Amino acid sequence: MQIYEELVARGLIAQVTDEPEVRELINSGNAVFYIGFDPTADSLHVGHFMALCLMKRLQMAGNKPIALLGGGTAMVGDPSGRTDMRQMMTQETINHNVECFKKQMSRFIDFSDGKALMVNNADWLLDLNYAEVLREVGAHFSVNNMLRAECYKQRMEKGLSFLEFNYMIMQSYDFYALFQKYGCNLQFGGDDQWSNMLGGTELIRRKLGKDAYAMTITLLLNSEGKKMGKTQSGAVWLDPNKTSPYDFYQYWRNVDDADVLKCLRMLTFLPLEQIGEMEKWEGSQLNQAKEILAYELTALVHGEEEAKKAQNAARALFGGGGDSASMPTCELTEADFTEDAIDILSLLVKAELAASRSEARRNVVQGGVSLDGKKVEDFKMQLTAEEIGDGVVLRRGKKKYCKVVVKK
């Protein structure tokens, strides 16, 4: 199976223009393609994961990735998927975020010896002359067509700023600039970016002629990948200082049964034949599939050693053996004890498993708190440092837990 056909089989392709040409370009290893990342935070999150994995797959097949960091477009803000305008960021914040992205992307993409490029659209967007853009670029865009784009239609009732209205033109200009500067002949993006991407392809063909070799493809990124980026408690980051390798592992270990095979196909590099065998699995075997998914993705982002630590810690928590040393830890000091003891409500708050004592009490009363696997029945329960010993596992609900230790 060639790479394009594999992308289709893994469920990654949503829409394509010029499919025969795209297939030939990718399968022959002649694609110079870009995916854009607006640096709206100081870390990538799992919503970016699918795009990063795709870039790695295509590079392994001989194609050349361009990671486009949106230092320029971030100053405007993408209206796609938004109900209101993004918060404006300073140039200093954007530059800091760009540097953070660069470091994280290098774990996925080989930038050595010109095998891939990392560029910042601030290098051309911030120096553009406004009147020149209106004449040379704006003339090729129909306002009527732009307003029909889904990213704008959903904002018309609440209000769409002129600032955001320019985003499509800026993103389209990116493809035009990359085509001219680096020979970029293919762009990828989420299905929420389709209108913007078509604008880029059309701009190249209008300005450089219909034979200009530039094509467009989209992934199932908005409906699947971006959904992965958020949990009830916020984003799941690729930066280990924002989301620990253990929590990252647990995020994937806890995916819905219905999503595990989909995630294995889209995000891991396991052979499709191996994943196909898992389709026959059910019941407890699905938990094994989730462990495989969590391990593979944690190893990809944080390395094999951290993946093994996270797996051991998770198995310790769920009674399958292993080592709890890598579990998130709450360290108690002498100041946390009153008359040589700490009550369970204070402990839950200290461990950040409850926001307040009243919430902690409610969790205990509802039977949602356990200590080393035993349900806590009394919200007045007290623990001494001696009882905590070398550490106890405190758990609230199914997914929140940590190891409590006393500082020596």
Protein backbone atom coordinates (compact mmCIF):
# COMPACT_ATOMS: atom_id res chain seq x y z
CA MET A 1 0.00 0.00 0.00
CA GLN A 2 1.43 3.38 -1.01
CA ILE A 3 1.39 6.38 1.32
CA TYR A 4 -1.63 8.18 -0.16
CA GLU A 5 -3.72 5.02 -0.04
CA GLU A 6 -2.57 4.46 3.54
CA LEU A 7 -3.72 7.97 4.53
CA VAL A 8 -7.13 7.18 3.07
CA ALA A 9 -7.27 3.79 4.84
CA ARG A 10 -6.39 5.45 8.16
CA GLY A 11 -9.32 7.85 7.76
CA LEU A 12 -7.16 10.97 7.48
CA ILE A 13 -8.37 12.40 4.17
CA ALA A 14 -11.55 14.48 4.13
CA GLN A 15 -11.45 16.49 0.89
CA VAL A 16 -9.01 16.85 -1.99
CA THR A 17 -8.66 18.99 -5.08
CA ASP A 18 -6.95 17.43 -8.11
CA GLU A 19 -6.89 13.99 -6.48
CA PRO A 20 -5.03 12.09 -9.25
CA GLU A 21 -2.25 14.70 -9.20
CA VAL A 22 -2.15 14.78 -5.39
CA ARG A 23 -1.91 10.99 -5.23
CA GLU A 24 0.95 10.92 -7.75
CA LEU A 25 2.78 13.77 -6.03
CA ILE A 26 2.64 12.18 -2.58
CA ASN A 27 3.32 8.60 -3.67
CA SER A 28 6.35 9.68 -5.69
CA GLY A 29 7.80 11.60 -2.74
CA ASN A 30 7.75 14.89 -4.67
CA ALA A 31 5.37 16.82 -2.43
CA VAL A 32 6.69 19.95 -0.76
CA PHE A 33 3.79 20.55 1.59
CA TYR A 34 2.95 22.86 4.44
CA ILE A 35 0.72 22.84 7.49
CA GLY A 36 0.20 26.02 9.50
CA PHE A 37 0.25 26.40 13.28
CA ASP A 38 -0.86 29.68 14.84
CA PRO A 39 1.12 30.19 18.09
CA THR A 40 -1.82 31.11 20.32
CA ALA A 41 -0.25 29.36 23.36
CA ASP A 42 3.22 28.45 24.56
CA SER A 43 2.72 24.75 23.83
CA LEU A 44 1.19 22.55 21.16
CA HIS A 45 -1.67 20.36 22.38
CA VAL A 46 -3.17 17.07 21.26
CA GLY A 47 -5.45 18.92 18.85
CA HIS A 48 -2.27 19.51 16.79
CA PHE A 49 -1.27 15.88 17.12
CA MET A 50 -2.88 14.59 13.94
CA ALA A 51 -1.16 17.22 11.81
CA LEU A 52 2.23 16.46 13.37
CA CYS A 53 1.78 12.72 12.83
CA LEU A 54 0.75 13.34 9.23
CA MET A 55 3.88 15.42 8.61
CA LYS A 56 6.01 12.61 10.05
CA ARG A 57 4.29 9.99 7.86
CA LEU A 58 4.75 12.00 4.69
CA GLN A 59 8.38 12.79 5.49
CA MET A 60 9.08 9.10 6.07
CA ALA A 61 7.72 8.51 2.54
CA GLY A 62 10.24 10.98 1.08
CA ASN A 63 8.13 14.15 0.96
CA LYS A 64 9.33 17.49 2.35
CA PRO A 65 7.34 19.18 5.13
CA ILE A 66 7.21 22.89 5.81
CA ALA A 67 6.05 23.75 9.32
CA LEU A 68 4.58 27.23 9.00
CA LEU A 69 4.43 29.13 12.26
CA GLY A 70 1.84 31.89 12.17
CA GLY A 71 3.69 34.75 13.78
CA GLY A 72 1.87 37.07 11.38
CA THR A 73 -1.59 35.48 11.20
CA ALA A 74 -1.67 35.16 15.01
CA MET A 75 -1.82 38.97 15.14
CA VAL A 76 -5.19 38.78 13.38
CA GLY A 77 -6.70 35.54 14.73
CA ASP A 78 -8.51 32.78 12.88
CA PRO A 79 -12.30 33.13 13.21
CA SER A 80 -12.86 29.43 12.37
CA GLY A 81 -14.73 27.62 15.12
CA ARG A 82 -15.00 30.79 17.21
CA THR A 83 -18.11 32.51 18.57
CA ASP A 84 -16.20 35.67 19.44
CA MET A 85 -12.94 37.39 18.58
CA ARG A 86 -9.70 35.92 19.89
CA GLN A 87 -7.79 37.84 22.51
CA MET A 88 -5.13 40.04 20.91
CA MET A 89 -1.56 38.98 21.71
CA THR A 90 1.57 41.10 21.86
CA GLN A 91 4.43 40.53 19.44
CA GLU A 92 6.61 39.41 22.37
CA THR A 93 4.10 36.73 23.41
CA ILE A 94 3.78 35.49 19.83
CA ASN A 95 7.56 35.26 19.43
CA HIS A 96 7.87 33.33 22.71
CA ASN A 97 5.18 30.87 21.63
CA VAL A 98 6.88 30.40 18.25
CA GLU A 99 10.11 29.35 19.97
CA CYS A 100 8.22 26.85 22.15
CA PHE A 101 6.55 25.33 19.06
CA LYS A 102 9.89 24.93 17.30
CA LYS A 103 11.32 22.85 20.13
CA GLN A 104 8.29 20.55 20.33
CA MET A 105 7.98 19.99 16.58
CA SER A 106 11.54 18.72 16.39
CA ARG A 107 10.41 15.56 18.20
CA PHE A 108 8.21 14.70 15.23
CA ILE A 109 9.94 16.16 12.20
CA ASP A 110 13.56 15.81 11.05
CA PHE A 111 14.77 19.30 10.17
CA SER A 112 18.38 18.25 9.54
CA ASP A 113 20.08 18.67 6.14
CA GLY A 114 17.12 20.50 4.60
CA LYS A 115 14.77 17.51 4.99
CA ALA A 116 12.13 19.88 6.35
CA LEU A 117 11.71 23.61 6.81
CA MET A 118 10.34 25.71 9.61
CA VAL A 119 9.31 29.21 8.60
CA ASN A 120 7.38 32.08 10.17
CA ASN A 121 4.83 33.98 8.11
CA ALA A 122 5.68 37.13 10.07
CA ASP A 123 8.74 37.28 7.77
CA TRP A 124 6.55 38.32 4.84
CA LEU A 125 3.17 39.36 6.25
CA LEU A 126 4.45 42.07 8.59
CA ASP A 127 6.32 43.89 5.82
CA LEU A 128 3.46 44.00 3.31
CA ASN A 129 2.23 47.35 2.05
CA TYR A 130 -1.49 47.67 2.70
CA ALA A 131 -2.41 49.40 -0.55
CA GLU A 132 -0.30 46.93 -2.48
CA VAL A 133 -2.08 43.98 -0.84
CA LEU A 134 -5.46 45.46 -1.74
CA ARG A 135 -4.44 45.81 -5.39
CA GLU A 136 -2.34 42.67 -5.86
CA VAL A 137 -4.20 40.21 -3.63
CA GLY A 138 -7.58 41.63 -2.64
CA ALA A 139 -8.61 42.04 -6.25
CA HIS A 140 -8.66 38.25 -6.64
CA PHE A 141 -11.17 37.66 -3.83
CA SER A 142 -14.95 37.93 -4.09
CA VAL A 143 -16.60 39.25 -0.92
CA ASN A 144 -19.75 37.34 -1.87
CA ASN A 145 -17.80 34.06 -2.00
CA MET A 146 -15.97 34.83 1.23
CA LEU A 147 -19.22 35.43 3.10
CA ARG A 148 -20.44 32.01 1.98
CA ALA A 149 -17.48 30.38 3.75
CA GLU A 150 -18.57 28.46 6.85
CA CYS A 151 -15.96 30.16 9.06
CA TYR A 152 -17.60 33.53 8.35
CA LYS A 153 -21.25 32.47 8.11
CA GLN A 154 -21.30 31.20 11.69
CA ARG A 155 -20.06 34.57 12.94
CA MET A 156 -22.34 36.91 11.01
CA GLU A 157 -25.11 36.96 13.62
CA LYS A 158 -22.82 37.77 16.56
CA GLY A 159 -20.60 40.05 14.55
CA LEU A 160 -17.47 39.59 12.49
CA SER A 161 -14.71 42.18 12.78
CA PHE A 162 -12.97 43.49 9.67
CA LEU A 163 -9.73 42.38 11.31
CA GLU A 164 -10.83 38.72 11.26
CA PHE A 165 -12.36 39.10 7.80
CA ASN A 166 -8.81 39.50 6.49
CA TYR A 167 -7.66 36.15 7.85
CA MET A 168 -8.60 34.22 4.70
CA ILE A 169 -6.61 36.62 2.55
CA MET A 170 -3.59 36.35 4.83
CA GLN A 171 -3.68 32.54 4.89
CA SER A 172 -4.12 32.44 1.12
CA TYR A 173 -1.13 34.73 0.74
CA ASP A 174 0.90 32.28 2.84
CA PHE A 175 0.49 29.55 0.24
CA TYR A 176 1.34 32.00 -2.54
CA ALA A 177 4.51 33.11 -0.69
CA LEU A 178 5.56 29.54 0.13
CA PHE A 179 4.96 28.47 -3.49
CA GLN A 180 7.25 31.21 -4.75
CA LYS A 181 9.92 31.06 -2.02
CA TYR A 182 10.23 27.32 -1.42
CA GLY A 183 8.45 25.54 -4.27
CA CYS A 184 5.62 24.47 -1.94
CA ASN A 185 3.14 22.62 -4.14
CA LEU A 186 0.67 21.20 -1.63
CA GLN A 187 -1.13 22.42 1.49
CA PHE A 188 -2.80 20.41 4.23
CA GLY A 189 -5.16 21.57 6.95
CA GLY A 190 -8.22 20.78 9.00
CA ASP A 191 -11.64 20.62 7.43
CA ASP A 192 -12.46 23.94 9.12
CA GLN A 193 -9.74 25.51 6.94
CA TRP A 194 -11.12 24.35 3.58
CA SER A 195 -12.34 27.76 2.39
CA ASN A 196 -9.07 29.46 3.38
CA MET A 197 -7.06 26.77 1.62
CA LEU A 198 -9.08 26.97 -1.57
CA GLY A 199 -8.41 30.70 -1.50
CA GLY A 200 -4.66 30.01 -1.51
CA THR A 201 -4.85 27.58 -4.41
CA GLU A 202 -7.02 29.99 -6.39
CA LEU A 203 -4.72 32.95 -5.67
CA ILE A 204 -1.70 31.07 -7.06
CA ARG A 205 -3.54 30.03 -10.19
CA ARG A 206 -4.97 33.50 -10.80
CA LYS A 207 -1.67 35.31 -10.34
CA LEU A 208 0.64 32.73 -11.91
CA GLY A 209 -1.62 31.04 -14.39
CA LYS A 210 -3.92 28.02 -14.28
CA ASP A 211 -1.02 25.66 -14.86
CA ALA A 212 0.63 26.67 -11.57
CA TYR A 213 1.31 23.41 -9.75
CA ALA A 214 -0.41 23.95 -6.42
CA MET A 215 -2.99 21.71 -4.80
CA THR A 216 -5.05 21.40 -1.67
CA ILE A 217 -6.01 18.62 0.69
CA THR A 218 -7.79 18.57 4.05
CA LEU A 219 -7.77 16.16 6.95
CA LEU A 220 -10.43 15.02 9.37
CA LEU A 221 -8.82 17.42 11.79
CA ASN A 222 -11.58 19.67 13.07
CA SER A 223 -14.18 17.00 13.78
CA GLU A 224 -11.71 14.46 15.16
CA GLY A 225 -8.30 15.94 15.97
CA LYS A 226 -9.40 19.23 17.51
CA LYS A 227 -11.97 17.41 19.62
CA MET A 228 -9.06 15.45 21.06
CA GLY A 229 -7.38 18.64 22.20
CA LYS A 230 -9.83 19.47 24.96
CA THR A 231 -11.04 17.73 28.09
CA GLN A 232 -13.38 18.90 30.81
CA SER A 233 -10.41 20.24 32.73
CA GLY A 234 -8.85 22.08 29.77
CA ALA A 235 -6.30 21.37 27.11
CA VAL A 236 -3.95 18.38 27.03
CA TRP A 237 -0.56 19.84 26.22
CA LEU A 238 2.53 18.29 24.64
CA ASP A 239 4.74 20.26 27.03
CA PRO A 240 5.54 17.95 29.99
CA ASN A 241 5.57 20.96 32.32
CA LYS A 242 1.92 21.67 31.47
CA THR A 243 0.65 18.08 31.11
CA SER A 244 2.85 15.44 32.73
CA PRO A 245 3.74 12.31 30.73
CA TYR A 246 1.62 10.35 33.21
CA ASP A 247 -1.45 12.56 32.68
CA PHE A 248 -0.83 12.47 28.94
CA TYR A 249 -0.77 8.67 29.07
CA GLN A 250 -3.94 8.59 31.15
CA TYR A 251 -5.73 10.90 28.73
CA TRP A 252 -5.30 8.36 25.94
CA ARG A 253 -5.85 5.41 28.29
CA ASN A 254 -9.31 6.82 29.05
CA VAL A 255 -10.58 7.42 25.50
CA ASP A 256 -14.06 6.10 24.76
CA ASP A 257 -14.33 2.50 23.62
CA ALA A 258 -15.82 3.70 20.34
CA ASP A 259 -12.79 5.91 19.60
CA VAL A 260 -9.82 3.71 20.46
CA LEU A 261 -9.42 1.99 17.06
CA LYS A 262 -9.98 5.28 15.25
CA CYS A 263 -7.21 6.89 17.29
CA LEU A 264 -4.89 3.93 16.70
CA ARG A 265 -5.37 4.28 12.93
CA MET A 266 -5.04 8.04 12.77
CA LEU A 267 -2.33 8.71 15.31
CA THR A 268 -0.05 5.70 15.76
CA PHE A 269 2.43 4.18 13.35
CA LEU A 270 1.32 0.63 14.04
CA PRO A 271 0.62 -1.41 10.87
CA LEU A 272 -2.98 -1.30 9.73
CA GLU A 273 -3.02 -5.09 9.72
CA GLN A 274 -2.21 -5.15 13.45
CA ILE A 275 -4.91 -2.58 14.18
CA GLY A 276 -7.34 -4.55 12.02
CA GLU A 277 -6.85 -7.57 14.28
CA MET A 278 -7.94 -5.45 17.23
CA GLU A 279 -11.36 -4.91 15.61
CA LYS A 280 -12.23 -8.38 16.89
CA TRP A 281 -11.41 -7.40 20.47
CA GLU A 282 -14.12 -6.69 22.97
CA GLY A 283 -14.65 -6.35 26.70
CA SER A 284 -11.38 -6.35 28.66
CA GLN A 285 -9.39 -6.62 25.43
CA LEU A 286 -10.41 -3.05 24.60
CA ASN A 287 -8.54 -1.94 27.70
CA GLN A 288 -5.44 -3.59 26.26
CA ALA A 289 -5.99 -1.65 23.03
CA LYS A 290 -6.22 1.56 25.06
CA GLU A 291 -2.96 0.72 26.82
CA ILE A 292 -1.29 0.21 23.44
CA LEU A 293 -2.65 3.55 22.20
CA ALA A 294 -1.55 5.40 25.34
CA TYR A 295 1.92 3.85 25.31
CA GLU A 296 2.55 4.49 21.60
CA LEU A 297 1.52 8.15 21.76
CA THR A 298 3.31 8.87 25.02
CA ALA A 299 6.49 7.35 23.59
CA LEU A 300 6.11 9.45 20.47
CA VAL A 301 5.79 12.71 22.42
CA HIS A 302 7.87 12.06 25.56
CA GLY A 303 10.09 9.09 24.69
CA GLU A 304 10.11 5.38 25.53
CA GLU A 305 11.41 5.81 29.07
CA GLU A 306 8.62 8.20 30.11
CA ALA A 307 6.03 5.99 28.40
CA LYS A 308 7.21 2.97 30.43
CA LYS A 309 7.12 4.99 33.66
CA ALA A 310 3.59 6.22 32.92
CA GLN A 311 2.40 2.71 32.05
CA ASN A 312 3.85 1.27 35.26
CA ALA A 313 2.27 4.02 37.35
CA ALA A 314 -1.11 3.49 35.71
CA ARG A 315 -0.96 -0.26 36.27
CA ALA A 316 -0.11 0.32 39.91
CA LEU A 317 -3.14 2.57 40.28
CA PHE A 318 -5.53 0.14 38.65
CA GLY A 319 -4.24 -2.91 40.48
CA GLY A 320 -2.34 -4.49 37.64
CA GLY A 321 1.10 -4.34 39.22
CA GLY A 322 3.68 -1.74 38.33
CA ASP A 323 5.31 1.17 40.07
CA SER A 324 3.50 4.25 41.37
CA ALA A 325 6.70 6.34 41.40
CA SER A 326 5.76 8.19 38.21
CA MET A 327 2.27 9.06 39.39
CA PRO A 328 1.46 12.76 40.04
CA THR A 329 2.61 13.46 43.60
CA CYS A 330 1.35 15.64 46.45
CA GLU A 331 4.10 16.28 48.98
CA LEU A 332 3.06 17.12 52.51
CA THR A 333 5.24 19.05 54.95
CA GLU A 334 5.09 19.41 58.71
CA ALA A 335 3.03 22.59 58.27
CA ASP A 336 0.20 20.60 56.66
CA PHE A 337 -0.43 18.62 59.84
CA THR A 338 -2.43 19.82 62.82
CA GLU A 339 -1.75 17.89 66.02
CA ASP A 340 0.16 15.32 63.94
CA ALA A 341 -2.76 14.65 61.57
CA ILE A 342 -4.39 15.97 58.39
CA ASP A 343 -8.08 15.53 57.64
CA ILE A 344 -9.23 13.97 54.38
CA LEU A 345 -10.93 17.17 53.17
CA SER A 346 -7.77 19.22 53.59
CA LEU A 347 -5.83 16.46 51.87
CA LEU A 348 -8.14 16.48 48.83
CA VAL A 349 -7.77 20.26 48.51
CA LYS A 350 -4.00 20.11 49.04
CA ALA A 351 -3.71 17.44 46.33
CA GLU A 352 -5.79 19.62 43.99
CA LEU A 353 -8.39 16.88 43.62
CA ALA A 354 -11.08 19.23 44.93
CA ALA A 355 -11.38 22.99 44.63
CA SER A 356 -12.69 23.53 48.18
CA ARG A 357 -13.46 21.71 51.40
CA SER A 358 -17.19 21.81 50.62
CA GLU A 359 -16.58 20.15 47.27
CA ALA A 360 -14.26 17.61 48.93
CA ARG A 361 -16.93 16.80 51.53
CA ARG A 362 -19.52 16.29 48.81
CA ASN A 363 -17.16 13.91 46.97
CA VAL A 364 -16.63 11.82 50.11
CA VAL A 365 -20.34 11.71 51.01
CA GLN A 366 -21.19 10.62 47.46
CA GLY A 367 -18.70 7.75 47.72
CA GLY A 368 -16.28 9.11 45.15
CA VAL A 369 -13.07 9.12 47.21
CA SER A 370 -10.74 6.22 47.90
CA LEU A 371 -7.40 5.75 49.63
CA ASP A 372 -5.18 2.91 48.38
CA GLY A 373 -8.23 1.39 46.72
CA LYS A 374 -10.48 1.52 49.82
CA LYS A 375 -13.50 3.82 49.78
CA VAL A 376 -13.38 6.67 52.28
CA GLU A 377 -16.63 6.47 54.26
CA ASP A 378 -16.13 9.30 56.80
CA PHE A 379 -15.51 12.90 55.71
CA LYS A 380 -14.01 13.51 59.19
CA MET A 381 -11.29 10.94 58.60
CA GLN A 382 -7.79 11.91 59.83
CA LEU A 383 -4.42 10.64 58.62
CA THR A 384 -1.11 10.80 60.47
CA ALA A 385 2.27 11.00 58.79
CA GLU A 386 2.96 7.49 60.05
CA GLU A 387 -0.21 6.16 58.39
CA ILE A 388 0.78 7.78 55.11
CA GLY A 389 4.16 6.09 55.45
CA ASP A 390 6.00 5.71 52.11
CA GLY A 391 2.98 7.04 50.24
CA VAL A 392 -0.71 6.40 49.64
CA VAL A 393 -2.75 6.73 46.46
CA LEU A 394 -5.61 9.20 46.86
CA ARG A 395 -8.30 9.02 44.23
CA ARG A 396 -11.37 11.11 43.45
CA GLY A 397 -13.74 9.71 40.87
CA LYS A 398 -12.42 7.57 38.02
CA LYS A 399 -9.81 9.87 36.55
CA LYS A 400 -8.39 12.09 39.29
CA TYR A 401 -5.71 10.73 41.57
CA CYS A 402 -2.25 11.29 42.96
CA LYS A 403 0.30 9.76 45.26
CA VAL A 404 0.49 11.47 48.67
CA VAL A 405 3.89 11.46 50.37
CA VAL A 406 5.38 13.16 53.43
CA LYS A 407 8.52 15.18 52.88
CA LYS A 408 11.38 13.78 54.94
